[in-house]
N, C-alpha and C. Protein backbone atom coordinates (compact mmCIF):
# COMPACT_ATOMS: atom_id res chain seq x y z
N MET A 1 -36.71 12.86 25.19
CA MET A 1 -37.88 13.55 26.00
C MET A 1 -37.43 14.78 26.63
N SER A 2 -36.09 14.86 26.96
CA SER A 2 -35.51 15.92 27.73
C SER A 2 -35.72 17.10 26.62
N ILE A 3 -35.40 17.06 25.32
CA ILE A 3 -35.59 18.07 24.51
C ILE A 3 -36.98 18.59 24.15
N CYS A 4 -37.86 17.61 24.18
CA CYS A 4 -39.29 17.86 24.34
C CYS A 4 -39.81 18.82 25.30
N ARG A 5 -39.17 18.44 26.78
CA ARG A 5 -39.63 19.28 27.69
C ARG A 5 -39.14 20.81 27.75
N LYS A 6 -37.93 20.66 27.13
CA LYS A 6 -37.29 22.26 27.00
C LYS A 6 -38.09 22.86 25.98
N ILE A 7 -38.56 22.12 24.96
CA ILE A 7 -39.45 22.84 23.81
C ILE A 7 -40.73 23.40 24.49
N SER A 8 -41.29 22.51 25.18
CA SER A 8 -42.54 22.97 25.92
C SER A 8 -42.45 24.14 26.87
N ARG A 9 -41.29 24.04 27.61
CA ARG A 9 -41.19 25.26 28.52
C ARG A 9 -40.86 26.54 27.73
N GLU A 10 -40.48 26.47 26.55
CA GLU A 10 -40.29 27.64 25.56
C GLU A 10 -41.81 28.23 25.36
N PHE A 11 -42.77 27.40 25.15
CA PHE A 11 -44.06 27.74 25.10
C PHE A 11 -44.68 28.57 26.14
N GLU A 12 -44.20 28.07 27.41
CA GLU A 12 -44.72 28.75 28.75
C GLU A 12 -44.31 30.00 28.82
N LYS A 13 -43.10 30.51 28.08
CA LYS A 13 -42.49 31.80 28.16
C LYS A 13 -43.29 32.90 27.45
N LEU A 14 -44.01 32.47 26.62
CA LEU A 14 -44.80 33.28 25.69
C LEU A 14 -46.05 34.11 26.71
N PRO A 15 -46.19 35.21 26.03
CA PRO A 15 -47.12 36.27 26.92
C PRO A 15 -48.56 35.44 26.98
N VAL A 16 -49.28 35.50 28.25
CA VAL A 16 -50.39 34.94 28.09
C VAL A 16 -51.56 35.70 27.68
N GLU A 17 -51.46 37.10 27.73
CA GLU A 17 -52.47 37.95 27.20
C GLU A 17 -52.78 37.56 25.66
N GLN A 18 -54.05 37.95 25.41
CA GLN A 18 -54.54 37.67 24.06
C GLN A 18 -53.72 38.76 23.02
N ILE A 19 -52.99 38.04 22.15
CA ILE A 19 -52.32 39.25 21.25
C ILE A 19 -52.64 38.57 19.74
N LYS A 20 -53.47 39.60 18.94
CA LYS A 20 -53.84 39.13 17.58
C LYS A 20 -52.55 39.09 16.55
N THR A 21 -51.49 39.93 16.95
CA THR A 21 -50.42 40.12 15.91
C THR A 21 -49.33 39.24 16.24
N ILE A 22 -48.36 38.77 15.55
CA ILE A 22 -47.13 37.97 15.97
C ILE A 22 -46.02 39.16 16.08
N THR A 23 -45.35 39.00 17.16
CA THR A 23 -44.43 39.81 17.63
C THR A 23 -42.96 39.19 17.52
N ASN A 24 -41.87 39.87 17.75
CA ASN A 24 -40.65 39.44 17.92
C ASN A 24 -40.47 38.30 18.98
N VAL A 25 -41.26 38.51 19.91
CA VAL A 25 -41.24 37.61 21.02
C VAL A 25 -41.61 35.99 20.62
N HIS A 26 -42.69 36.03 19.60
CA HIS A 26 -43.14 34.71 19.19
C HIS A 26 -42.00 34.35 18.24
N THR A 27 -41.58 34.97 17.41
CA THR A 27 -40.59 34.41 16.40
C THR A 27 -39.36 34.00 17.11
N ASP A 28 -38.84 34.81 18.18
CA ASP A 28 -37.66 34.29 18.92
C ASP A 28 -37.79 32.83 19.72
N SER A 29 -39.03 32.75 20.16
CA SER A 29 -39.46 31.60 20.60
C SER A 29 -39.42 30.53 19.70
N MET A 30 -39.89 30.68 18.57
CA MET A 30 -40.07 29.75 17.47
C MET A 30 -38.63 29.12 17.09
N LEU A 31 -37.75 30.37 17.07
CA LEU A 31 -36.32 30.05 16.48
C LEU A 31 -35.62 29.20 17.44
N LYS A 32 -35.88 29.53 18.59
CA LYS A 32 -35.19 28.64 19.78
C LYS A 32 -35.53 27.23 19.74
N GLN A 33 -36.95 27.13 19.57
CA GLN A 33 -37.61 25.61 19.61
C GLN A 33 -37.11 25.04 18.35
N ILE A 34 -36.79 25.84 17.29
CA ILE A 34 -36.31 25.01 16.02
C ILE A 34 -34.88 24.63 16.16
N GLU A 35 -34.11 25.37 16.76
CA GLU A 35 -32.90 25.19 16.99
C GLU A 35 -32.63 23.96 17.91
N MET A 36 -33.59 23.93 19.05
CA MET A 36 -33.33 22.81 19.90
C MET A 36 -33.70 21.43 19.37
N ALA A 37 -34.74 21.58 18.40
CA ALA A 37 -35.04 20.10 17.73
C ALA A 37 -33.97 19.80 16.70
N ILE A 38 -33.37 20.64 16.02
CA ILE A 38 -32.47 20.42 15.00
C ILE A 38 -31.09 19.85 15.71
N LYS A 39 -30.77 20.42 16.81
CA LYS A 39 -29.46 19.91 17.70
C LYS A 39 -29.71 18.60 18.43
N ALA A 40 -30.93 18.29 18.52
CA ALA A 40 -31.21 17.08 19.23
C ALA A 40 -30.61 15.68 18.59
N PRO A 41 -29.96 14.96 19.13
CA PRO A 41 -29.18 13.73 18.70
C PRO A 41 -30.43 12.68 18.21
N ILE A 42 -30.36 11.94 17.12
CA ILE A 42 -31.17 10.90 16.94
C ILE A 42 -31.02 9.76 17.70
N CYS A 43 -32.11 9.40 18.42
CA CYS A 43 -31.97 8.07 19.21
C CYS A 43 -31.75 6.69 18.62
N ILE A 44 -32.05 6.76 17.28
CA ILE A 44 -32.06 5.60 16.41
C ILE A 44 -30.78 5.51 15.52
N PRO A 45 -29.88 4.71 15.50
CA PRO A 45 -28.85 4.71 14.71
C PRO A 45 -29.05 5.16 13.12
N ARG A 46 -28.18 5.70 12.67
CA ARG A 46 -28.23 6.12 11.21
C ARG A 46 -28.62 5.01 10.16
N PHE A 47 -27.87 3.79 10.38
CA PHE A 47 -28.14 2.69 9.57
C PHE A 47 -29.23 2.03 9.82
N PHE A 48 -30.24 2.57 10.79
CA PHE A 48 -31.50 2.14 10.74
C PHE A 48 -32.45 2.67 9.74
N PHE A 49 -32.12 3.69 9.16
CA PHE A 49 -32.80 4.34 7.96
C PHE A 49 -32.16 4.16 6.67
N GLN A 50 -30.81 3.82 6.75
CA GLN A 50 -30.05 3.80 5.46
C GLN A 50 -29.62 2.22 5.18
N VAL A 51 -29.30 1.98 3.98
CA VAL A 51 -28.66 0.69 3.69
C VAL A 51 -27.29 1.09 2.84
N GLN A 52 -26.29 0.48 3.21
CA GLN A 52 -25.07 0.63 2.65
C GLN A 52 -25.02 -0.10 1.32
N GLN A 53 -24.54 0.54 0.36
CA GLN A 53 -24.52 0.27 -1.08
C GLN A 53 -23.33 -0.41 -1.23
N ASN A 54 -23.50 -1.82 -1.74
CA ASN A 54 -22.27 -2.68 -1.89
C ASN A 54 -21.95 -2.90 -3.35
N THR A 55 -21.09 -2.12 -3.88
CA THR A 55 -20.69 -2.07 -5.28
C THR A 55 -19.43 -2.63 -5.34
N SER A 56 -19.15 -3.69 -6.28
CA SER A 56 -17.84 -4.29 -6.42
C SER A 56 -17.44 -4.19 -7.94
N ILE A 57 -16.18 -4.09 -8.12
CA ILE A 57 -15.72 -4.07 -9.76
C ILE A 57 -14.72 -5.03 -9.70
N LYS A 58 -14.98 -5.92 -10.55
CA LYS A 58 -13.85 -6.95 -11.05
C LYS A 58 -12.98 -6.61 -12.31
N LEU A 59 -11.77 -6.52 -12.16
CA LEU A 59 -10.94 -6.16 -13.12
C LEU A 59 -10.07 -7.20 -13.60
N SER A 60 -9.64 -7.02 -14.86
CA SER A 60 -8.47 -7.94 -15.27
C SER A 60 -7.59 -7.07 -16.22
N MET A 61 -6.17 -7.43 -16.17
CA MET A 61 -5.21 -6.72 -16.95
C MET A 61 -4.63 -7.73 -17.90
N SER A 62 -4.26 -7.37 -19.03
CA SER A 62 -3.46 -8.10 -19.86
C SER A 62 -2.46 -7.20 -20.44
N PRO A 63 -1.11 -7.70 -20.61
CA PRO A 63 -0.99 -9.06 -20.49
C PRO A 63 -0.85 -9.52 -18.92
N TYR A 64 -1.02 -10.69 -18.64
CA TYR A 64 -1.37 -11.19 -17.21
C TYR A 64 -0.17 -12.10 -16.95
N GLN A 65 -0.05 -12.23 -15.71
CA GLN A 65 1.06 -13.20 -15.23
C GLN A 65 0.56 -14.66 -15.23
N ARG A 66 1.29 -15.58 -15.84
CA ARG A 66 0.82 -16.94 -15.85
C ARG A 66 1.17 -17.51 -14.51
N VAL A 67 2.18 -17.13 -13.82
CA VAL A 67 2.40 -17.72 -12.53
C VAL A 67 2.58 -16.26 -11.47
N ALA A 68 2.00 -16.57 -10.44
CA ALA A 68 1.95 -15.44 -9.49
C ALA A 68 3.23 -15.05 -9.10
N GLY A 69 3.88 -13.54 -9.30
CA GLY A 69 5.02 -13.24 -8.99
C GLY A 69 5.91 -13.16 -10.02
N GLU A 70 5.57 -13.83 -11.24
CA GLU A 70 6.36 -13.89 -12.50
C GLU A 70 6.29 -12.44 -13.17
N ALA A 71 7.48 -11.95 -13.58
CA ALA A 71 7.49 -10.78 -14.26
C ALA A 71 7.27 -11.03 -15.78
N ILE A 72 6.71 -9.93 -16.27
CA ILE A 72 6.33 -9.99 -17.81
C ILE A 72 7.48 -9.26 -18.38
N LEU A 73 8.09 -9.69 -19.53
CA LEU A 73 9.41 -9.40 -20.09
C LEU A 73 8.91 -8.25 -21.14
N VAL A 74 9.56 -7.21 -21.41
CA VAL A 74 9.32 -6.15 -22.14
C VAL A 74 10.74 -5.98 -22.80
N PRO A 75 11.12 -5.79 -24.24
CA PRO A 75 12.44 -5.33 -24.69
C PRO A 75 12.68 -3.91 -24.47
N ASN A 76 13.95 -3.77 -24.21
CA ASN A 76 14.26 -2.21 -23.99
C ASN A 76 13.94 -1.47 -25.23
N GLY A 77 13.45 -0.23 -24.86
CA GLY A 77 12.99 0.79 -25.88
C GLY A 77 11.62 0.62 -26.44
N HIS A 78 10.84 -0.32 -25.92
CA HIS A 78 9.60 -0.80 -26.14
C HIS A 78 8.65 -0.16 -25.22
N ASN A 79 7.39 0.13 -25.51
CA ASN A 79 6.40 0.55 -24.71
C ASN A 79 5.43 -0.59 -24.47
N LEU A 80 4.77 -0.48 -23.33
CA LEU A 80 3.98 -1.67 -22.89
C LEU A 80 2.39 -1.34 -22.96
N VAL A 81 1.65 -2.02 -23.88
CA VAL A 81 0.09 -1.75 -23.91
C VAL A 81 -0.52 -2.66 -22.83
N VAL A 82 -0.95 -1.87 -21.87
CA VAL A 82 -2.04 -2.65 -20.85
C VAL A 82 -3.63 -2.35 -21.11
N LYS A 83 -4.07 -3.67 -21.42
CA LYS A 83 -5.38 -3.56 -21.52
C LYS A 83 -6.31 -4.03 -20.27
N VAL A 84 -7.33 -3.22 -20.03
CA VAL A 84 -8.11 -3.36 -18.92
C VAL A 84 -9.51 -3.68 -18.95
N GLU A 85 -10.04 -4.65 -18.62
CA GLU A 85 -11.43 -5.00 -18.89
C GLU A 85 -12.18 -5.52 -17.47
N GLY A 86 -13.35 -4.90 -17.23
CA GLY A 86 -14.01 -5.12 -15.92
C GLY A 86 -15.33 -5.22 -16.07
N VAL A 87 -15.98 -5.49 -14.96
CA VAL A 87 -17.45 -5.69 -14.79
C VAL A 87 -17.88 -5.15 -13.38
N ILE A 88 -18.99 -4.41 -13.38
CA ILE A 88 -19.57 -3.82 -12.14
C ILE A 88 -20.78 -4.53 -11.76
N GLN A 89 -20.78 -4.81 -10.37
CA GLN A 89 -21.64 -5.74 -9.85
C GLN A 89 -22.36 -4.83 -8.71
N ASN A 90 -23.72 -4.76 -8.60
CA ASN A 90 -24.35 -4.06 -7.64
C ASN A 90 -25.19 -5.12 -6.58
N ALA A 91 -24.93 -5.31 -5.40
CA ALA A 91 -25.52 -6.09 -4.58
C ALA A 91 -26.70 -5.40 -4.08
N GLY A 92 -27.79 -6.03 -4.20
CA GLY A 92 -29.24 -5.65 -3.77
C GLY A 92 -30.34 -5.81 -4.73
N ALA A 93 -31.46 -6.27 -4.35
CA ALA A 93 -32.49 -6.59 -5.18
C ALA A 93 -33.33 -5.41 -5.94
N LYS A 94 -32.96 -4.17 -5.35
CA LYS A 94 -33.65 -3.07 -5.87
C LYS A 94 -32.56 -2.08 -6.38
N PRO A 95 -32.02 -2.24 -7.45
CA PRO A 95 -30.90 -1.29 -7.78
C PRO A 95 -31.30 0.13 -7.95
N CYS A 96 -32.86 0.39 -8.02
CA CYS A 96 -33.10 1.90 -8.28
C CYS A 96 -32.96 2.64 -6.90
N LEU A 97 -32.58 2.13 -5.84
CA LEU A 97 -32.41 2.62 -4.65
C LEU A 97 -31.04 3.12 -4.52
N TYR A 98 -30.15 2.57 -5.42
CA TYR A 98 -28.73 2.95 -5.15
C TYR A 98 -28.44 4.18 -6.06
N ARG A 99 -27.29 4.79 -5.82
CA ARG A 99 -26.73 5.87 -6.68
C ARG A 99 -26.21 5.09 -7.87
N SER A 100 -26.56 5.76 -8.96
CA SER A 100 -26.31 5.24 -10.43
C SER A 100 -24.86 5.54 -10.67
N ILE A 101 -24.06 4.71 -11.39
CA ILE A 101 -22.77 4.76 -11.75
C ILE A 101 -22.65 5.55 -13.04
N ASP A 102 -21.88 6.63 -13.10
CA ASP A 102 -21.82 7.35 -14.43
C ASP A 102 -20.53 6.78 -15.09
N SER A 103 -19.41 6.73 -14.52
CA SER A 103 -18.17 6.33 -15.14
C SER A 103 -17.24 5.76 -13.93
N VAL A 104 -15.95 5.16 -14.48
CA VAL A 104 -15.08 4.65 -13.66
C VAL A 104 -13.82 5.31 -13.87
N GLN A 105 -13.20 5.57 -12.82
CA GLN A 105 -11.74 6.36 -12.98
C GLN A 105 -10.64 5.27 -12.81
N LEU A 106 -9.95 4.96 -13.79
CA LEU A 106 -8.78 4.00 -13.70
C LEU A 106 -7.50 4.85 -13.69
N THR A 107 -6.61 4.29 -12.57
CA THR A 107 -5.40 4.99 -12.34
C THR A 107 -4.44 3.93 -12.51
N LEU A 108 -3.41 4.04 -13.57
CA LEU A 108 -2.38 3.16 -13.69
C LEU A 108 -0.96 3.74 -13.22
N THR A 109 -0.44 3.15 -12.33
CA THR A 109 0.81 3.85 -11.67
C THR A 109 1.81 2.69 -11.74
N SER A 110 2.93 3.25 -12.25
CA SER A 110 4.22 2.32 -12.61
C SER A 110 5.49 2.93 -11.84
N GLN A 111 5.98 2.04 -10.99
CA GLN A 111 7.15 2.55 -10.17
C GLN A 111 8.52 1.71 -10.42
N LEU A 112 9.34 2.41 -10.63
CA LEU A 112 10.73 1.58 -10.94
C LEU A 112 11.41 1.12 -9.70
N LEU A 113 11.49 -0.22 -9.71
CA LEU A 113 12.10 -0.84 -8.40
C LEU A 113 13.48 -0.98 -8.49
N THR A 114 14.12 -1.11 -9.66
CA THR A 114 15.63 -1.04 -9.75
C THR A 114 16.30 0.17 -9.60
N PRO A 115 17.32 0.33 -8.86
CA PRO A 115 18.17 1.35 -8.66
C PRO A 115 18.55 1.98 -9.77
N ARG A 116 18.70 3.32 -10.01
CA ARG A 116 19.38 3.88 -11.35
C ARG A 116 20.77 4.05 -11.20
N PRO A 117 21.45 3.91 -12.27
CA PRO A 117 22.87 4.06 -12.20
C PRO A 117 23.25 5.47 -11.50
N VAL A 118 24.42 5.59 -10.92
CA VAL A 118 24.77 6.84 -10.19
C VAL A 118 25.05 7.97 -11.18
N ASP A 119 25.65 7.57 -12.30
CA ASP A 119 26.02 8.65 -13.30
C ASP A 119 24.81 9.13 -14.26
N VAL A 120 23.52 8.66 -14.05
CA VAL A 120 22.55 8.79 -14.78
C VAL A 120 21.68 10.08 -14.17
N LYS A 121 21.32 10.90 -15.07
CA LYS A 121 20.58 12.14 -14.66
C LYS A 121 19.30 11.70 -13.99
N PRO A 122 18.72 12.22 -12.68
CA PRO A 122 17.70 12.05 -12.17
C PRO A 122 16.35 12.01 -13.06
N ILE A 123 15.63 11.05 -13.12
CA ILE A 123 14.42 10.96 -13.84
C ILE A 123 13.37 10.50 -12.77
N ASN A 124 12.00 11.00 -13.19
CA ASN A 124 10.91 10.48 -12.35
C ASN A 124 10.79 9.20 -12.40
N ASP A 125 10.90 8.32 -11.32
CA ASP A 125 10.65 6.82 -11.06
C ASP A 125 9.36 6.44 -10.96
N VAL A 126 8.38 7.27 -10.87
CA VAL A 126 6.98 7.03 -10.64
C VAL A 126 6.13 7.84 -11.82
N ASN A 127 5.46 6.90 -12.58
CA ASN A 127 4.46 7.58 -13.64
C ASN A 127 3.03 7.15 -13.33
N THR A 128 2.17 8.32 -13.51
CA THR A 128 0.87 7.85 -13.26
C THR A 128 -0.05 8.29 -14.49
N LEU A 129 -0.80 7.42 -14.94
CA LEU A 129 -1.79 7.60 -15.84
C LEU A 129 -3.18 7.35 -15.63
N VAL A 130 -4.20 8.37 -15.76
CA VAL A 130 -5.45 8.39 -15.34
C VAL A 130 -6.36 8.47 -16.79
N GLN A 131 -7.31 7.57 -16.45
CA GLN A 131 -8.43 7.46 -17.57
C GLN A 131 -9.76 7.03 -17.02
N ILE A 132 -10.80 8.05 -17.63
CA ILE A 132 -12.01 7.82 -17.09
C ILE A 132 -12.89 7.32 -18.19
N THR A 133 -13.34 6.00 -18.01
CA THR A 133 -14.31 5.42 -18.93
C THR A 133 -15.51 4.96 -18.56
N LYS A 134 -16.60 5.24 -19.39
CA LYS A 134 -18.09 4.95 -19.02
C LYS A 134 -18.46 3.51 -19.40
N PRO A 135 -19.01 3.03 -18.28
CA PRO A 135 -19.49 1.58 -18.48
C PRO A 135 -20.44 1.26 -19.52
N LYS A 136 -20.66 0.29 -20.16
CA LYS A 136 -21.84 -0.18 -21.12
C LYS A 136 -22.18 -1.39 -20.63
N ARG A 137 -23.42 -1.21 -20.17
CA ARG A 137 -24.22 -2.48 -19.62
C ARG A 137 -23.29 -3.14 -18.51
N GLU A 138 -22.71 -2.51 -17.74
CA GLU A 138 -22.04 -2.73 -16.55
C GLU A 138 -20.63 -3.43 -16.93
N PHE A 139 -20.14 -3.24 -18.05
CA PHE A 139 -18.88 -3.59 -18.55
C PHE A 139 -18.11 -2.35 -18.94
N LEU A 140 -16.82 -2.67 -18.64
CA LEU A 140 -15.86 -1.55 -19.10
C LEU A 140 -14.66 -2.13 -19.67
N SER A 141 -13.82 -1.12 -20.35
CA SER A 141 -12.70 -1.65 -21.09
C SER A 141 -11.91 -0.42 -21.33
N ALA A 142 -10.49 -0.21 -21.33
CA ALA A 142 -9.60 0.91 -21.25
C ALA A 142 -8.24 0.33 -21.73
N ASN A 143 -7.49 1.09 -22.41
CA ASN A 143 -6.14 0.80 -22.85
C ASN A 143 -5.19 1.76 -22.44
N PHE A 144 -3.98 1.29 -22.04
CA PHE A 144 -3.09 2.40 -21.41
C PHE A 144 -1.60 2.15 -22.23
N LEU A 145 -0.92 3.13 -22.69
CA LEU A 145 0.32 3.09 -23.34
C LEU A 145 1.28 3.24 -22.09
N LEU A 146 2.15 2.38 -21.74
CA LEU A 146 3.04 2.63 -20.64
C LEU A 146 4.46 2.66 -21.24
N SER A 147 4.99 3.87 -20.86
CA SER A 147 6.49 4.10 -21.38
C SER A 147 7.44 3.68 -20.15
N LEU A 148 8.18 2.70 -20.72
CA LEU A 148 9.37 2.27 -19.76
C LEU A 148 10.77 2.65 -20.16
N ASN A 149 10.92 3.85 -20.83
CA ASN A 149 12.22 4.41 -21.14
C ASN A 149 12.98 4.83 -20.12
N GLN A 150 13.67 3.88 -19.52
CA GLN A 150 14.68 4.37 -18.49
C GLN A 150 16.02 3.55 -18.84
N PRO A 151 17.13 4.27 -18.41
CA PRO A 151 18.36 3.61 -18.76
C PRO A 151 18.33 2.27 -18.02
N VAL A 152 18.89 1.29 -18.74
CA VAL A 152 19.08 -0.09 -18.42
C VAL A 152 20.26 -0.39 -17.76
N THR A 153 20.41 -0.94 -16.54
CA THR A 153 21.62 -1.40 -16.00
C THR A 153 22.03 -2.74 -16.50
N ASN A 154 23.26 -3.29 -16.06
CA ASN A 154 23.77 -4.55 -16.60
C ASN A 154 22.72 -5.77 -16.17
N GLU A 155 22.05 -5.52 -14.83
CA GLU A 155 21.01 -6.47 -14.45
C GLU A 155 19.67 -6.13 -14.96
N GLY A 156 19.44 -5.13 -15.89
CA GLY A 156 18.12 -4.85 -16.48
C GLY A 156 17.39 -4.12 -15.45
N LYS A 157 15.98 -3.84 -15.64
CA LYS A 157 15.19 -2.89 -14.82
C LYS A 157 13.89 -3.55 -14.62
N GLN A 158 13.26 -3.22 -13.41
CA GLN A 158 12.06 -3.82 -13.06
C GLN A 158 11.20 -2.83 -12.59
N TRP A 159 9.85 -3.06 -13.04
CA TRP A 159 8.70 -1.94 -12.58
C TRP A 159 7.64 -2.80 -11.95
N GLN A 160 7.12 -2.01 -11.02
CA GLN A 160 5.90 -2.53 -10.46
C GLN A 160 4.55 -1.58 -11.07
N VAL A 161 3.65 -2.13 -11.54
CA VAL A 161 2.42 -1.53 -12.26
C VAL A 161 1.15 -1.80 -11.39
N THR A 162 0.58 -0.77 -10.89
CA THR A 162 -0.70 -1.09 -10.15
C THR A 162 -1.72 -0.50 -10.68
N LEU A 163 -2.87 -1.06 -10.84
CA LEU A 163 -4.11 -0.53 -11.30
C LEU A 163 -5.15 -0.30 -10.25
N ASP A 164 -5.52 0.93 -10.10
CA ASP A 164 -6.64 1.22 -9.06
C ASP A 164 -7.93 1.93 -9.88
N ALA A 165 -9.15 1.40 -9.26
CA ALA A 165 -10.32 1.93 -9.86
C ALA A 165 -11.03 2.43 -8.63
N ASN A 166 -11.90 3.58 -9.16
CA ASN A 166 -12.61 4.37 -8.28
C ASN A 166 -14.03 4.68 -9.21
N ILE A 167 -15.17 4.84 -8.48
CA ILE A 167 -16.66 4.88 -9.17
C ILE A 167 -16.88 6.49 -9.09
N ILE A 168 -17.39 7.01 -10.09
CA ILE A 168 -17.72 8.39 -10.23
C ILE A 168 -19.44 8.35 -10.50
N ASP A 169 -20.29 8.81 -9.57
CA ASP A 169 -21.85 8.92 -9.71
C ASP A 169 -22.31 9.99 -10.68
N GLU A 170 -23.35 9.88 -10.74
CA GLU A 170 -24.22 10.68 -12.06
C GLU A 170 -23.91 12.36 -11.60
N ASN A 171 -23.57 12.57 -10.26
CA ASN A 171 -23.45 13.99 -9.88
C ASN A 171 -21.94 14.44 -9.95
N GLY A 172 -21.07 13.54 -10.52
CA GLY A 172 -19.73 13.67 -10.66
C GLY A 172 -18.72 13.57 -9.23
N VAL A 173 -19.40 12.87 -8.32
CA VAL A 173 -18.78 12.72 -7.21
C VAL A 173 -17.99 11.37 -7.20
N LEU A 174 -16.64 11.53 -6.80
CA LEU A 174 -15.83 10.35 -6.88
C LEU A 174 -16.30 9.63 -5.37
N TRP A 175 -16.51 8.36 -5.42
CA TRP A 175 -16.59 7.46 -4.46
C TRP A 175 -15.63 7.25 -3.59
N ASN A 176 -15.43 7.12 -2.28
CA ASN A 176 -14.45 6.62 -1.57
C ASN A 176 -14.33 5.28 -1.38
N THR A 177 -13.84 4.48 -2.37
CA THR A 177 -14.05 3.14 -2.39
C THR A 177 -12.55 2.55 -2.12
N LEU A 178 -12.40 1.29 -1.97
CA LEU A 178 -11.39 0.49 -1.45
C LEU A 178 -10.79 -0.29 -2.60
N GLY A 179 -10.63 0.40 -3.79
CA GLY A 179 -10.16 -0.46 -4.73
C GLY A 179 -11.11 -0.86 -5.92
N PRO A 180 -11.24 -1.83 -6.58
CA PRO A 180 -10.06 -2.94 -6.48
C PRO A 180 -8.87 -2.59 -7.00
N LYS A 181 -7.58 -3.21 -6.63
CA LYS A 181 -6.20 -2.88 -7.04
C LYS A 181 -5.76 -4.13 -7.68
N ASN A 182 -5.11 -4.02 -8.85
CA ASN A 182 -4.34 -5.11 -9.52
C ASN A 182 -2.86 -4.77 -9.55
N THR A 183 -1.96 -5.63 -9.48
CA THR A 183 -0.57 -5.48 -9.53
C THR A 183 0.06 -6.64 -10.42
N LEU A 184 0.96 -5.91 -11.13
CA LEU A 184 1.86 -6.92 -12.00
C LEU A 184 3.09 -6.35 -12.05
N VAL A 185 4.16 -7.30 -12.28
CA VAL A 185 5.70 -6.81 -12.45
C VAL A 185 6.06 -6.75 -13.73
N VAL A 186 6.80 -5.81 -14.40
CA VAL A 186 7.41 -5.48 -15.58
C VAL A 186 8.80 -5.66 -15.55
N ARG A 187 9.54 -6.68 -16.37
CA ARG A 187 11.05 -6.37 -16.31
C ARG A 187 11.58 -6.17 -17.64
N VAL A 188 12.59 -5.22 -17.56
CA VAL A 188 13.18 -4.94 -19.26
C VAL A 188 14.54 -5.55 -18.95
N PRO A 189 14.87 -6.73 -19.58
CA PRO A 189 16.38 -7.26 -19.41
C PRO A 189 17.45 -6.39 -20.11
N ALA A 190 18.66 -6.83 -19.56
CA ALA A 190 19.79 -5.93 -20.28
C ALA A 190 20.00 -6.36 -21.78
N GLU A 191 20.74 -5.62 -22.32
CA GLU A 191 21.06 -5.73 -23.77
C GLU A 191 21.55 -7.24 -24.12
N ASN A 192 22.48 -7.80 -23.38
CA ASN A 192 22.96 -9.21 -23.76
C ASN A 192 22.02 -10.09 -23.49
N SER A 193 21.23 -9.81 -22.26
CA SER A 193 20.14 -10.77 -22.20
C SER A 193 18.98 -10.79 -23.28
N MET A 194 18.76 -9.66 -23.74
CA MET A 194 17.83 -9.56 -24.84
C MET A 194 18.27 -10.36 -25.88
N ASN A 195 19.49 -10.27 -26.35
CA ASN A 195 20.07 -10.92 -27.51
C ASN A 195 19.98 -12.28 -27.33
N ALA A 196 20.18 -12.93 -26.08
CA ALA A 196 20.29 -14.36 -25.82
C ALA A 196 18.85 -14.94 -25.83
N MET A 197 17.74 -14.06 -25.53
CA MET A 197 16.41 -14.41 -25.41
C MET A 197 15.72 -14.32 -26.93
N GLY A 198 16.45 -13.68 -27.87
CA GLY A 198 15.98 -13.60 -29.24
C GLY A 198 15.21 -12.31 -29.42
N PHE A 199 15.34 -11.35 -28.57
CA PHE A 199 14.74 -10.18 -28.95
C PHE A 199 15.62 -9.26 -29.98
N LYS A 200 14.88 -8.64 -30.80
CA LYS A 200 15.66 -7.87 -31.76
C LYS A 200 15.24 -6.25 -31.70
N LYS A 201 15.98 -5.44 -32.04
CA LYS A 201 15.68 -4.01 -31.99
C LYS A 201 14.85 -3.74 -33.18
């Protein structure tokens, strides 16, 4: 109401005499009124007009851990193929009101948890692979080839692999989502342990 009163007072500043043409006085007054209206705060919360989109992604990674916290064994010198499958779920009775999903950005990060030997030349202990996949009928799949070629200590080496997913809409905008995130632990045993377990080169 206070903004409306200020706008009405701007009308009172206009000249009273009859002028058939529009002058700079009229345009200045109109610009001031428009500026007042634009800068006026909305008295109703924004979520009164908007509905938050609730989009969830369910992901599964293979190989998978049979027991929580159990490490997946990979022979030394081998690469690990990580297969990702997922489904997109939109909550809401009218999907047409929501932003459509064009693709999903999958980020696979592997971090070496085992300390490197002192005499080994420094190597990047964190590797990141990014893949963009287009879902088909709300289903998506992707494959990653993860290289675990790091010097093996007498105790072996252990990696933590994290999968992160983000949504890209039809305008190419990456949504600020909170995941989902999947994590698994990969262990590369030492040479003597590999022979005892039956792994062959």
